[in-house]
Protein backbone atom coordinates (compact mmCIF):
# COMPACT_ATOMS: atom_id res chain seq x y z
CA PRO A 1 20.59 141.22 65.22
CA GLN A 2 17.76 138.99 64.34
CA TYR A 3 14.00 139.26 64.24
CA ALA A 4 13.34 135.84 65.74
CA GLN A 5 9.61 135.78 65.34
CA GLN A 6 9.13 138.52 62.71
CA GLY A 7 10.95 139.01 59.45
CA SER A 8 12.69 136.77 57.00
CA GLN A 9 16.28 135.68 56.50
CA GLN A 10 16.86 138.59 54.11
CA GLN A 11 15.78 141.09 56.75
CA GLN A 12 18.15 139.47 59.21
CA GLN A 13 21.16 139.80 56.88
CA GLN A 14 20.38 143.45 56.09
CA GLN A 15 20.24 144.32 59.76
CA MET A 16 23.39 142.37 60.61
CA GLN A 17 25.58 144.27 58.10
CA GLY A 18 25.68 147.38 60.22
CA PHE A 19 23.38 148.99 62.69
CA VAL A 20 22.88 151.98 60.42
CA GLY A 21 19.96 152.84 58.24
CA ALA A 22 17.45 153.69 60.88
CA GLY A 23 19.97 155.75 62.85
CA GLY A 24 21.59 157.69 60.01
CA SER A 25 23.89 160.45 61.25
CA GLY A 26 22.16 160.38 64.60
CA GLY A 27 23.91 157.19 65.60
CA PRO A 28 23.60 153.41 65.28
CA TRP A 29 20.38 151.74 66.27
CA ASP A 30 19.48 148.09 66.41
CA THR A 31 16.55 146.01 67.38
CA LEU A 32 16.94 142.65 69.08
CA GLN A 33 13.99 140.54 70.02
CA TYR A 34 14.71 137.87 72.53
CA SER A 35 12.65 134.69 72.50
CA GLN A 36 13.08 131.03 73.16
CA GLN A 37 13.24 130.15 69.47
CA GLY A 38 16.36 130.97 67.48
CA MET A 39 17.77 133.33 70.11
CA GLN A 40 21.25 131.82 70.52
CA GLN A 41 21.93 131.51 66.78
CA GLY A 42 20.64 134.99 66.08
CA MET A 43 22.81 136.53 68.81
CA GLN A 44 26.01 134.90 67.54
CA GLN A 45 25.43 135.84 63.88
CA GLY A 46 24.39 139.36 64.72
CA MET A 47 27.43 140.08 66.88
CA GLN A 48 29.88 138.64 64.33
CA HIS A 49 28.60 140.97 61.58
CA SER A 50 28.29 144.06 63.77
CA GLU A 51 30.51 147.01 62.81
CA LEU A 52 30.54 148.19 66.41
CA GLY A 53 33.17 145.67 67.50
CA LEU A 54 30.99 143.67 69.86
CA GLY A 55 32.46 140.31 70.78
CA ALA A 56 30.51 137.07 70.77
CA GLY A 57 28.78 138.05 73.98
CA GLU A 58 27.15 135.85 76.55
CA TYR A 59 24.04 137.56 77.80
CA GLY A 60 23.38 135.19 80.71
CA SER A 61 19.85 134.21 81.56
CA LEU A 62 17.40 136.24 79.51
CA SER A 63 13.67 136.63 79.89
CA THR A 64 11.52 134.35 77.80
CA GLN A 65 9.14 137.22 77.13
CA ALA A 66 9.49 139.23 73.92
CA HIS A 67 11.73 142.27 74.52
CA GLU A 68 13.57 144.68 72.30
CA PHE A 69 17.08 146.09 72.73
CA VAL A 70 17.86 149.57 71.36
CA PRO A 71 21.48 150.66 71.97
CA GLY A 72 20.95 154.38 71.35
CA GLY A 73 20.95 156.86 68.44
CA ALA A 74 17.90 157.96 66.46
CA ALA A 75 14.49 156.53 67.26
CA PRO A 76 13.54 153.43 65.25
CA SER A 77 10.62 153.54 62.91
CA SER A 78 7.19 152.46 64.02
CA GLN A 79 7.57 149.23 62.02
CA GLU A 80 10.64 148.30 64.02
CA VAL A 81 8.94 148.68 67.41
CA THR A 82 6.97 145.69 68.51
CA GLN A 83 3.52 146.74 69.61
CA GLY A 84 2.80 145.77 73.15
CA GLY A 85 5.71 144.95 75.48
CA PRO A 86 8.38 147.20 76.95
CA VAL A 87 11.47 148.35 75.06
CA MET A 88 14.98 148.11 76.50
CA VAL A 89 17.04 151.22 75.65
CA SER A 90 20.65 152.09 76.48
CA ARG A 91 21.89 155.61 77.20
CA ASN A 92 25.54 156.28 78.09
CA GLY A 93 26.02 152.65 79.04
CA VAL A 94 22.93 152.33 81.27
CA VAL A 95 20.16 149.96 80.16
CA PHE A 96 16.60 150.61 81.25
CA SER A 97 13.04 149.89 80.15
CA VAL A 98 10.55 152.28 78.55
CA SER A 99 7.23 151.87 76.82
CA SER A 100 7.12 151.74 73.05
CA GLU A 101 5.45 155.15 72.91
CA GLU A 102 8.39 156.78 74.75
CA VAL A 103 11.25 155.46 72.63
CA GLY A 104 11.47 158.71 70.66
CA ASN A 105 12.31 160.67 73.83
CA TYR A 106 15.76 159.10 74.13
CA GLU A 107 17.70 160.40 71.19
CA ASP A 108 21.39 160.62 71.92
CA PRO A 109 23.42 161.83 68.90
CA GLN A 110 26.65 161.41 70.88
CA MET A 111 26.05 157.66 71.24
CA ALA A 112 27.61 156.86 67.86
CA LYS A 113 29.86 154.19 69.27
CA TYR A 114 29.05 151.38 71.62
CA GLU A 115 31.13 150.03 74.48
CA GLY A 116 32.82 147.20 72.55
CA TYR A 117 31.31 144.28 74.36
CA GLY A 118 27.82 142.77 74.68
CA GLN A 119 25.60 143.72 77.56
CA GLY A 120 22.76 142.14 79.47
CA VAL A 121 20.84 143.17 82.50
CA VAL A 122 21.42 140.51 85.17
CA GLY A 123 20.73 141.79 88.67
CA GLY A 124 22.03 145.28 87.92
CA MET A 125 25.39 144.01 86.57
CA TYR A 126 26.62 143.96 83.01
CA SER A 127 28.51 140.93 81.76
CA GLY A 128 29.99 140.12 78.35
CA MET A 129 32.91 138.76 76.45
CA GLU A 130 35.54 140.89 74.69
CA GLY A 131 37.01 139.87 71.38
CA ASP A 132 39.87 138.02 73.07
CA GLY A 133 37.49 135.91 75.13
CA ARG A 134 38.22 137.68 78.45
CA GLU A 135 35.16 138.16 80.61
CA VAL A 136 34.36 141.74 81.57
CA LYS A 137 32.06 142.90 84.35
CA THR A 138 31.28 146.54 84.90
CA GLU A 139 29.13 148.36 87.41
CA PRO A 140 26.17 150.45 86.21
CA ARG A 141 27.23 154.07 85.72
CA GLN A 142 25.31 157.15 86.69
CA THR A 143 24.36 159.07 83.58
CA ALA A 144 23.18 162.44 82.39
CA TYR A 145 19.43 162.64 82.10
CA PRO A 146 17.36 164.06 79.22
CA THR A 147 16.44 167.69 79.73
CA ASP A 148 12.89 167.08 78.50
CA THR A 149 12.14 164.50 81.18
CA HIS A 150 10.35 165.36 84.41
CA PHE A 151 11.46 163.63 87.57
CA SER A 152 9.40 163.20 90.70
CA SER A 153 11.63 162.84 93.76
CA GLN A 154 8.79 162.60 96.24
CA SER A 155 8.36 158.84 96.06
CA THR A 156 10.72 156.15 94.78
CA GLU A 157 10.69 152.38 94.97
CA LYS A 158 13.55 149.96 94.76
CA VAL A 159 13.59 147.45 91.94
CA ALA A 160 15.29 144.32 93.18
CA SER A 161 16.04 143.00 89.73
CA SER A 162 18.19 145.96 88.73
CA GLY A 163 19.40 147.47 92.00
CA TRP A 164 18.26 150.98 90.97
CA ASP A 165 15.89 153.43 92.61
CA TRP A 166 13.59 154.20 89.72
CA ALA A 167 11.76 157.52 89.51
CA GLN A 168 8.01 157.35 89.70
CA GLY A 169 7.18 159.80 86.95
CA SER A 170 6.58 159.93 83.23
CA THR A 171 9.61 157.72 82.51
CA SER A 172 11.53 154.86 84.08
CA ILE A 173 14.95 156.53 83.98
CA PRO A 174 16.93 156.15 87.25
CA ALA A 175 16.31 159.03 89.64
CA PRO A 176 19.21 161.45 90.18
CA PRO A 177 21.36 160.72 93.23
CA LYS A 178 20.17 162.44 96.39
CA ARG A 179 22.22 165.45 97.49
CA THR A 180 22.90 166.43 101.05
CA LEU A 181 23.17 169.89 102.56
CA HIS A 182 26.97 169.68 102.62
CA SER A 183 27.09 168.99 98.89
CA LEU A 184 25.84 172.52 98.16
CA GLY A 185 29.13 174.09 99.28
CA VAL A 186 32.80 173.20 99.27
CA PRO A 187 33.83 169.77 100.64
CA ASP A 188 34.19 169.46 104.40
CA SER A 189 37.94 168.94 104.19
CA LEU A 190 38.45 172.14 102.20
CA TRP A 191 36.06 174.01 104.50
CA ARG A 192 38.00 172.89 107.58
CA HIS A 193 41.25 173.95 105.91
CA PHE A 194 40.02 177.50 105.31
CA GLN A 195 38.47 177.62 108.76
CA SER A 196 41.82 176.78 110.35
CA LEU A 197 43.48 179.51 108.28
CA SER A 198 40.81 181.98 109.37
CA ASN A 199 41.32 181.06 113.01
CA GLU A 200 45.07 181.50 112.67
CA GLN A 201 44.67 184.86 110.99
CA SER A 202 42.39 186.14 113.76
CA ARG A 203 44.99 185.62 116.49
CA GLN A 204 46.12 188.79 118.26
CA MET A 205 47.95 189.95 121.34
CA GLN A 206 46.21 191.16 124.46
CA PRO A 207 45.04 194.78 124.20
CA ASP A 208 47.33 195.84 127.08
CA ASP A 209 50.42 194.19 125.59
CA PRO A 210 53.35 196.68 125.78
CA ARG A 211 54.52 195.69 122.30
CA TYR A 212 51.66 197.69 120.79
CA LYS A 213 53.83 200.76 121.47
CA GLU A 214 56.25 199.51 118.78
CA ILE A 215 53.54 199.39 116.11
CA PRO A 216 52.43 202.45 114.12
CA PRO A 217 48.98 203.69 115.19
CA LYS A 218 47.31 202.95 111.83
CA TYR A 219 47.52 199.21 112.50
CA HIS A 220 45.65 197.07 115.01
CA SER A 221 45.01 193.40 115.93
CA ALA A 222 48.75 192.70 116.01
CA PHE A 223 50.30 189.31 116.65
CA CYS A 224 54.01 188.56 116.92
CA LEU A 225 55.22 186.08 114.27
CA ASP A 226 58.75 185.63 115.61
CA ASP A 227 60.12 182.66 117.52
CA PRO A 228 58.22 182.23 120.84
CA ASP A 229 61.58 182.07 122.68
CA LEU A 230 62.51 185.49 121.33
CA GLU A 231 58.97 186.73 121.83
CA SER A 232 59.19 186.14 125.59
CA GLN A 233 62.13 188.56 125.87
CA GLY A 234 59.85 191.57 125.63
CA THR A 235 60.83 194.61 123.61
CA THR A 236 62.88 194.64 120.42
CA SER A 237 65.94 196.13 122.16
CA ALA A 238 66.41 192.88 124.09
CA ARG A 239 66.06 190.64 121.05
CA GLN A 240 68.92 189.11 119.11
CA SER A 241 69.77 190.01 115.55
CA GLY A 242 67.38 188.67 112.95
CA SER A 243 68.12 186.93 109.66
CA PHE A 244 69.49 190.17 108.14
CA GLY A 245 72.00 190.80 110.95
CA TYR A 246 69.99 193.63 112.54
CA PRO A 247 67.65 193.52 115.56
CA SER A 248 64.16 193.17 114.15
CA VAL A 249 60.69 191.97 115.02
CA LEU A 250 57.87 190.73 112.78
CA TYR A 251 54.15 191.23 113.43
CA LYS A 252 50.92 190.33 111.76
CA VAL A 253 48.83 193.51 111.74
CA VAL A 254 45.53 194.68 110.24
CA SER A 255 45.39 198.03 108.48
CA GLN A 256 42.75 200.53 109.51
CA GLU A 257 42.68 201.93 105.97
CA ASP A 258 41.61 198.83 104.02
CA GLY A 259 41.07 196.14 106.69
CA PHE A 260 43.55 193.70 105.13
CA PRO A 261 46.22 191.85 107.14
CA TYR A 262 49.90 192.64 106.51
CA ALA A 263 53.29 191.48 107.75
CA LEU A 264 55.01 194.40 109.51
CA ARG A 265 58.76 194.13 110.06
CA ARG A 266 60.46 196.68 112.32
CA PHE A 267 64.22 197.42 112.39
CA ASP A 268 65.80 199.48 115.14
CA ASN A 269 69.15 201.26 115.17
CA VAL A 270 69.35 201.39 111.37
CA LYS A 271 70.68 204.39 109.48
CA CYS A 272 68.11 205.14 106.82
CA SER A 273 66.39 208.18 105.40
CA HIS A 274 62.98 208.68 103.87
CA LYS A 275 64.64 209.15 100.49
CA ILE A 276 66.34 205.74 100.58
CA ALA A 277 63.15 204.01 101.69
CA GLY A 278 61.16 205.79 98.99
CA ALA A 279 63.67 204.80 96.29
CA ALA A 280 63.40 201.12 97.23
CA MET A 281 59.63 201.33 97.24
CA GLU A 282 59.61 202.99 93.82
CA ALA A 283 61.87 200.29 92.34
CA TRP A 284 59.96 197.28 93.67
CA LYS A 285 56.42 198.46 93.00
CA ARG A 286 57.01 197.69 89.29
CA VAL A 287 57.60 193.98 89.97
CA ARG A 288 54.44 191.87 90.03
CA HIS A 289 54.77 188.09 90.21
CA PRO A 290 52.62 185.37 91.85
CA ASN A 291 55.71 183.93 93.59
CA ILE A 292 56.85 187.23 95.14
CA VAL A 293 55.51 188.66 98.39
CA LYS A 294 54.51 192.18 97.43
CA LEU A 295 56.18 195.10 99.21
CA SER A 296 53.29 197.38 100.16
CA SER A 297 55.18 200.21 101.86
CA CYS A 298 58.52 201.15 103.37
CA TYR A 299 59.00 204.16 105.64
CA VAL A 300 60.88 205.56 108.65
CA LEU A 301 58.96 206.48 111.81
CA ASN A 302 60.31 207.41 115.25
CA ARG A 303 63.86 206.40 114.32
CA ALA A 304 62.67 202.91 113.30
CA LEU A 305 62.54 201.40 109.80
CA PHE A 306 59.32 199.61 108.82
CA PHE A 307 58.66 197.23 105.92
CA VAL A 308 55.07 196.23 105.16
CA HIS A 309 54.61 193.13 103.02
CA GLU A 310 51.64 190.98 102.09
CA TYR A 311 50.63 188.50 104.76
CA PHE A 312 49.99 184.86 103.87
CA VAL A 313 48.35 182.95 106.68
CA GLY A 314 49.52 179.39 107.21
CA SER A 315 52.88 179.93 105.54
CA SER A 316 56.27 178.80 106.81
CA THR A 317 59.83 179.28 105.60
CA LEU A 318 61.68 176.49 103.83
CA THR A 319 64.04 176.39 106.82
CA GLU A 320 61.17 175.76 109.22
CA ARG A 321 59.49 173.18 107.01
CA TYR A 322 62.41 171.15 105.68
CA LEU A 323 65.75 172.06 107.26
CA ASP A 324 64.85 172.31 110.96
CA LYS A 325 62.91 169.03 110.91
CA ARG A 326 64.21 165.51 110.56
CA GLY A 327 62.78 163.56 107.65
CA GLY A 328 63.46 161.54 104.55
CA LEU A 329 64.52 162.74 101.15
CA LEU A 330 62.27 165.11 99.28
CA GLN A 331 60.72 163.72 96.14
CA GLU A 332 62.55 164.88 93.05
CA ARG A 333 59.31 166.00 91.44
CA LEU A 334 58.72 168.34 94.39
CA VAL A 335 62.27 169.73 94.11
CA TRP A 336 61.77 170.38 90.39
CA SER A 337 58.50 172.17 91.15
CA TYR A 338 60.28 174.48 93.58
CA VAL A 339 63.16 175.08 91.13
CA VAL A 340 60.74 176.02 88.33
CA GLN A 341 58.91 178.49 90.57
CA LEU A 342 62.08 180.15 91.83
CA ALA A 343 63.57 180.34 88.35
CA GLY A 344 60.45 182.20 87.26
CA VAL A 345 60.90 184.62 90.16
CA LEU A 346 64.50 185.42 89.20
CA ARG A 347 63.47 185.80 85.57
CA ALA A 348 60.91 188.46 86.51
CA ILE A 349 63.25 190.29 88.89
CA HIS A 350 66.31 190.28 86.62
CA GLY A 351 64.10 191.28 83.69
CA SER A 352 63.16 194.40 85.68
CA HIS A 353 66.88 195.26 86.15
CA LEU A 354 66.85 194.38 89.85
CA ALA A 355 68.45 191.76 92.06
CA CYS A 356 66.51 189.50 94.43
CA ARG A 357 69.05 189.27 97.29
CA ALA A 358 66.61 187.06 99.26
CA MET A 359 67.10 183.65 97.64
CA GLN A 360 67.76 181.88 100.96
CA PRO A 361 65.63 179.23 102.72
CA THR A 362 65.03 181.63 105.62
CA HIS A 363 63.39 184.19 103.32
CA ILE A 364 61.32 181.90 101.07
CA LEU A 365 57.80 181.07 102.23
CA ARG A 366 55.89 177.94 101.41
CA THR A 367 52.18 178.72 101.43
CA PRO A 368 49.38 176.12 101.48
CA GLY A 369 49.12 174.31 98.18
CA GLY A 370 52.86 174.02 97.49
CA ARG A 371 53.34 177.61 96.30
CA LEU A 372 56.70 179.23 97.06
CA ARG A 373 56.85 182.99 97.58
CA VAL A 374 60.06 184.96 97.89
CA ASN A 375 59.72 187.21 100.92
CA CYS A 376 61.59 190.29 102.15
CA VAL A 377 62.24 191.76 98.71
CA GLY A 378 63.70 195.27 98.97
CA VAL A 379 64.86 194.85 102.57
CA VAL A 380 68.55 194.30 101.78
CA ASP A 381 68.46 197.12 99.22
CA VAL A 382 67.62 199.55 102.04
CA LEU A 383 69.80 198.04 104.77
CA GLU A 384 72.90 197.89 102.52
CA PHE A 385 72.19 200.92 100.39
CA GLU A 386 75.65 202.37 100.94
CA ALA A 387 77.42 199.21 99.72
CA ARG A 388 76.56 200.11 96.10
CA LYS A 389 77.46 196.77 94.50
CA GLN A 390 77.26 196.21 90.78
CA LEU A 391 73.90 194.90 89.54
CA SER A 392 75.57 192.17 87.47
CA ASP A 393 77.43 190.88 90.52
CA LEU A 394 74.25 190.83 92.58
CA GLN A 395 72.40 188.91 89.86
CA LYS A 396 75.21 186.33 89.66
CA GLU A 397 74.94 185.91 93.40
CA ASP A 398 71.21 185.22 92.98
CA ILE A 399 72.04 182.39 90.57
CA CYS A 400 74.54 180.89 93.02
CA ASP A 401 72.01 181.20 95.83
CA LEU A 402 69.52 179.20 93.74
CA GLY A 403 72.12 176.45 93.33
CA ARG A 404 72.81 176.42 97.08
CA LEU A 405 69.07 176.30 97.73
CA ILE A 406 68.75 173.17 95.55
CA MET A 407 71.59 171.56 97.51
CA SER A 408 69.94 172.53 100.81
CA LEU A 409 66.60 170.98 99.82
CA CYS A 410 68.18 167.77 98.54
CA THR A 411 70.35 167.29 101.64
CA ARG A 412 67.87 168.88 104.09
CA SER A 413 70.70 170.90 105.63
CA MET A 414 71.60 174.58 105.53
CA ILE A 415 74.03 175.39 102.72
CA SER A 416 75.11 179.04 102.50
CA SER A 417 77.94 181.10 101.08
CA LYS A 418 79.83 180.54 104.34
CA THR A 419 79.72 176.74 104.07
CA SER A 420 83.19 175.19 103.74
CA THR A 421 84.38 173.67 100.47
CA GLU A 422 84.67 170.23 102.06
CA SER A 423 81.07 170.28 103.22
CA MET A 424 79.94 171.50 99.80
CA GLY A 425 81.74 168.57 98.16
CA LYS A 426 80.11 166.02 100.45
CA ALA A 427 76.69 167.56 99.84
CA ALA A 428 77.23 167.50 96.06
CA GLY A 429 78.18 163.82 96.22
CA PHE A 430 75.03 163.08 98.20
CA VAL A 431 72.87 164.82 95.58
CA GLN A 432 74.59 162.93 92.76
CA GLN A 433 73.98 159.62 94.51
CA HIS A 434 70.30 160.07 95.41
CA TYR A 435 68.92 162.27 92.63
CA SER A 436 68.93 162.27 88.84
CA GLN A 437 71.87 163.39 86.77
CA GLU A 438 69.76 166.19 85.28
CA LEU A 439 69.12 167.78 88.67
CA TYR A 440 72.72 167.34 89.74
CA SER A 441 74.03 168.93 86.53
CA LEU A 442 71.69 171.91 86.98
CA MET A 443 72.90 172.44 90.55
CA VAL A 444 76.59 172.25 89.56
CA THR A 445 76.05 174.60 86.62
CA LEU A 446 74.36 177.23 88.80
CA LEU A 447 77.18 177.06 91.37
CA SER A 448 80.20 176.97 89.07
CA LYS A 449 79.37 178.67 85.76
CA PRO A 450 78.35 182.31 85.26
CA VAL A 451 75.02 181.56 83.54
CA THR A 452 72.14 184.02 83.28
CA VAL A 453 68.69 183.38 84.63
CA PHE A 454 67.40 183.01 81.09
CA ASP A 455 69.88 180.18 80.47
CA ALA A 456 68.72 178.57 83.71
CA CYS A 457 65.07 178.80 82.61
CA GLY A 458 65.98 177.00 79.40
CA MET A 459 67.51 174.17 81.42
CA VAL A 460 64.26 173.63 83.40
CA ALA A 461 61.83 174.20 80.50
CA HIS A 462 60.90 170.50 80.29
CA HIS A 463 59.79 170.43 83.93
CA ALA A 464 58.03 173.76 83.53
CA MET A 465 55.46 171.97 81.37
CA ASP A 466 54.71 169.58 84.24
CA GLU A 467 54.31 172.53 86.59
CA LEU A 468 51.98 174.24 84.13
CA ASP A 469 49.81 171.12 83.86
CA MET A 470 49.53 170.93 87.64
CA VAL A 471 48.64 174.62 87.93
CA HIS A 472 45.86 174.24 85.37
CA ALA A 473 44.48 171.21 87.19
CA VAL A 474 44.44 173.10 90.49
CA SER A 475 42.82 176.08 88.78
CA ASP A 476 40.04 173.88 87.40
CA SER A 477 39.45 172.39 90.83
CA TYR A 478 39.22 175.78 92.54
CA GLU A 479 36.97 177.09 89.78
CA SER A 480 34.52 174.23 90.30
CA GLN A 481 34.52 174.87 94.06
CA LEU A 482 34.03 178.60 93.44
CA TYR A 483 30.99 177.87 91.31
CA ARG A 484 29.47 175.82 94.13
CA GLU A 485 30.03 178.68 96.56
CA PHE A 486 28.56 181.10 94.03
CA GLU A 487 25.33 179.11 94.09
CA SER A 488 25.33 179.18 97.90
CA GLY A 489 26.09 182.93 97.92
CA ARG A 490 23.04 183.76 95.83
CA SER A 491 20.81 181.85 98.24
CA CYS A 492 22.46 183.52 101.22
CA ARG A 493 21.72 187.01 99.89
CA LEU A 494 18.07 186.08 99.29
CA LEU A 495 17.73 184.64 102.80
CA MET A 496 19.23 187.76 104.39
CA LYS A 497 16.86 190.05 102.50
CA LEU A 498 13.88 187.84 103.25
CA ASN A 499 14.56 187.65 106.98
CA LEU A 500 15.15 191.40 107.23
CA VAL A 501 11.61 191.96 105.96
CA VAL A 502 9.46 189.06 107.19
CA GLU A 503 7.71 189.54 110.56
CA ARG A 504 9.59 192.72 111.42
CA PRO A 505 8.07 193.91 114.73
CA GLU A 506 7.51 197.45 113.49
CA MET A 507 8.45 199.89 110.76
CA GLY A 508 8.66 203.33 112.27
CA MET A 509 5.35 203.65 114.09
CA ASP A 510 3.55 201.07 111.92
CA LYS A 511 3.40 197.80 113.87
CA GLN A 512 1.43 196.06 111.10
CA TRP A 513 3.93 196.88 108.35
CA SER A 514 5.12 193.29 107.91
CA GLU A 515 1.55 191.93 107.83
CA THR A 516 0.24 194.07 104.96
CA GLY A 517 0.87 194.59 101.29
CA ASP A 518 3.88 193.01 99.69
CA ARG A 519 5.29 192.00 103.08
CA TYR A 520 2.37 189.63 103.66
CA VAL A 521 3.13 187.90 100.35
CA LEU A 522 6.70 187.40 101.50
CA LYS A 523 5.50 185.91 104.80
CA LEU A 524 3.34 183.40 102.95
CA PHE A 525 6.23 182.60 100.61
CA ARG A 526 8.49 181.97 103.62
CA ASP A 527 5.99 179.43 104.92
CA TYR A 528 5.68 177.87 101.45
CA VAL A 529 9.44 177.34 101.22
CA PHE A 530 10.44 176.43 104.78
CA HIS A 531 7.33 175.40 106.70
CA GLN A 532 5.82 172.65 104.54
CA THR A 533 3.90 169.88 106.35
CA ASP A 534 2.33 166.61 105.27
CA GLY A 535 -1.24 165.44 105.81
CA GLY A 536 -0.50 164.44 109.38
CA GLY A 537 1.00 167.79 110.32
CA ASN A 538 4.56 166.44 110.31
CA PRO A 539 7.31 168.74 108.98
CA VAL A 540 8.52 168.02 105.46
CA MET A 541 12.32 168.39 105.28
CA ASP A 542 12.65 168.62 101.50
CA LEU A 543 15.94 170.34 100.75
CA GLY A 544 15.34 170.05 97.01
CA HIS A 545 12.14 172.06 97.33
CA VAL A 546 13.94 174.79 99.29
CA VAL A 547 16.86 175.07 96.85
CA SER A 548 14.61 174.95 93.80
CA SER A 549 12.30 177.64 95.19
CA LEU A 550 15.17 179.98 96.06
CA ASN A 551 16.74 179.51 92.63
CA LYS A 552 13.46 180.32 90.91
CA LEU A 553 13.02 183.35 93.16
CA ASP A 554 16.49 184.60 92.27
CA ALA A 555 15.76 184.15 88.55
CA GLY A 556 12.29 185.73 88.80
CA ASP A 557 10.71 182.69 87.15
CA GLY A 558 7.20 183.03 85.73
CA GLU A 559 5.97 179.77 87.24
CA LYS A 560 2.80 180.18 89.31
CA ILE A 561 2.57 178.93 92.88
CA CYS A 562 -0.25 178.89 95.42
CA LEU A 563 0.44 180.56 98.77
CA ALA A 564 -1.91 179.80 101.65
CA GLY A 565 -2.18 181.45 105.05
CA ARG A 566 -1.71 179.47 108.24
CA ASP A 567 -5.37 179.91 109.15
CA GLY A 568 -6.50 178.72 105.73
CA MET A 569 -8.50 181.91 105.16
CA ALA A 570 -6.11 183.50 102.67
CA MET A 571 -4.91 182.00 99.40
CA LEU A 572 -2.87 183.79 96.72
CA VAL A 573 -1.71 182.61 93.29
CA VAL A 574 1.48 184.44 92.33
CA SER A 575 4.59 183.80 90.28
CA TYR A 576 8.17 183.70 91.51
CA GLY A 577 8.72 186.94 89.57
CA ASP A 578 5.94 188.61 91.57
CA VAL A 579 7.52 187.48 94.84
CA ALA A 580 10.92 188.75 93.69
CA ARG A 581 9.47 192.21 92.96
CA CYS A 582 7.79 192.25 96.37
CA LEU A 583 11.07 191.36 98.05
CA GLU A 584 13.07 194.02 96.26
CA GLY A 585 10.46 196.68 96.96
CA ALA A 586 10.22 195.87 100.66
CA TYR A 587 13.99 195.65 101.05
CA GLU A 588 14.46 198.99 99.27
CA GLU A 589 11.89 200.56 101.57
CA LEU A 590 13.83 199.31 104.58
CA CYS A 591 17.08 200.73 103.21
CA VAL A 592 15.53 204.15 102.59
CA ARG A 593 14.02 204.27 106.08
CA SER A 594 17.33 203.18 107.65
CA LEU A 595 19.22 205.90 105.75
CA GLN A 596 16.76 208.56 106.85
CA GLY A 597 17.11 207.45 110.47
CA ASN A 598 20.91 207.69 110.31
CA GLN A 599 20.72 211.18 108.85
CA GLN A 600 18.32 212.30 111.57
CA GLN A 601 20.62 210.96 114.30
CA GLN A 602 23.64 212.68 112.77
CA GLY A 603 21.70 215.94 112.56
CA ALA A 604 20.63 215.65 116.18
CA GLY A 605 24.17 214.90 117.26
CA GLY A 606 25.55 217.89 115.38
CA GLY A 607 23.22 220.21 117.25
CA TRP A 608 24.68 219.45 120.65
């Protein structure tokens, strides 16, 4: 850096040996004064001696007027600021102009390191030269704004020389980007996804459907989840055997006890007692895993066996998604993700001294988001209770089923224990040819060697780290979306309370209740927030004003506002905290009066 018009050669050398001194621990600062005389030489010498790694930058066409360049850190001393003209400051890579009196407002201790190449403001673009001589052009970046700076979003003008919309306020920092109404909640794509799931979950059979006779009376809003071809056959007695070899039917139902949806599976002509069903329920209620569909209840009613599991809307079995449809090979990363999830399931089940007995593509659900969930746990334990097989043999069969499942996903064909040896050999050769040796070796080991699930988990530990990274990334994404909905939820509660109170036709026998006392303050506040107009009587659609006012109301802020009546005869100066107390008091009064009315109606009904 060089003082072209002020300072001597000694001052120039001291400044060029490092942009410290004025900045201290707060960060590097520098002062460049551009002028017609000595500018090019000063720029080259300054950049060569800089400790910040700036290349010999080309700053393009620069103004002939005296300007100063301050790349961020601690404010320069008053001797370093040229009296008179504007000062160019840089914050997080964005260069903008401020007056010399405002330089101290832009301290950025985090700006201890610069970008590595020279910058210049040329039509809103930055251009420079890196150390290797390669030209670099970068777009201006949106930045965080100082918390002590007030922005006025009411009026902005476009500066053609920089391409920014500058705020018309106490500073010349770029105004924050405008937000739309949709930006206050989850993205439209995610909203449409959940809306489609909600629509699917709300499906139900006609109220006069005869199949409601097959469903226990404590459930309602049923919908058959079986194949539509089987569904058209009518009652369960006419249906073919299900995936367990027994005639069964599956419904989506809603419980009258808690209002949650469940998957209800009914088996007919099955020998089972309440004791056997209770024993299975007692064993499986100890197992809790995010990849297992929870068994909620199991009981016998009217000579039929019922299993009630969690219901996951939008899910499909692996058979329906991959084996029944034609398609290309699955990506190996996806296969490893599924293997890691299922290995974790077997680890939890075998660690609880149980056997899964449902590790088949027809019993594994894929829910939205790529999550696998093992369904129908405990069903085989009840249906084949009298078989009494050894637990160790059942656990070994689970391991073999996992190996067959890997082969089924890789070949996109059904591989089961009944598949011939010749077909198994062809499928294994296909996997070896199209997938990695690591995946092929895992599959062969699970099918041929008596390994435990803990040995299998050790073989997939490397890929478990990838799965963990992905889960954390998804968790962060959902947490950010949840925070956005939390902000919308607070505003929704305030709006519901406000509209329950404002302009209520009558309160008991008092028809002027909403026009007096605290309720009148709330009416004026409603107009202040939602019914703003300009000088010409045109509506002002300022979403920022609405959101800001509701947030301050929710926080009970002490800021004073002026509320005026529509006729101009009434004017009140209150704080957001005062309005919040008025709202809570009026809403509580409504709740008390509503409770008293319900009690009076119940008392009158009991007298008949």
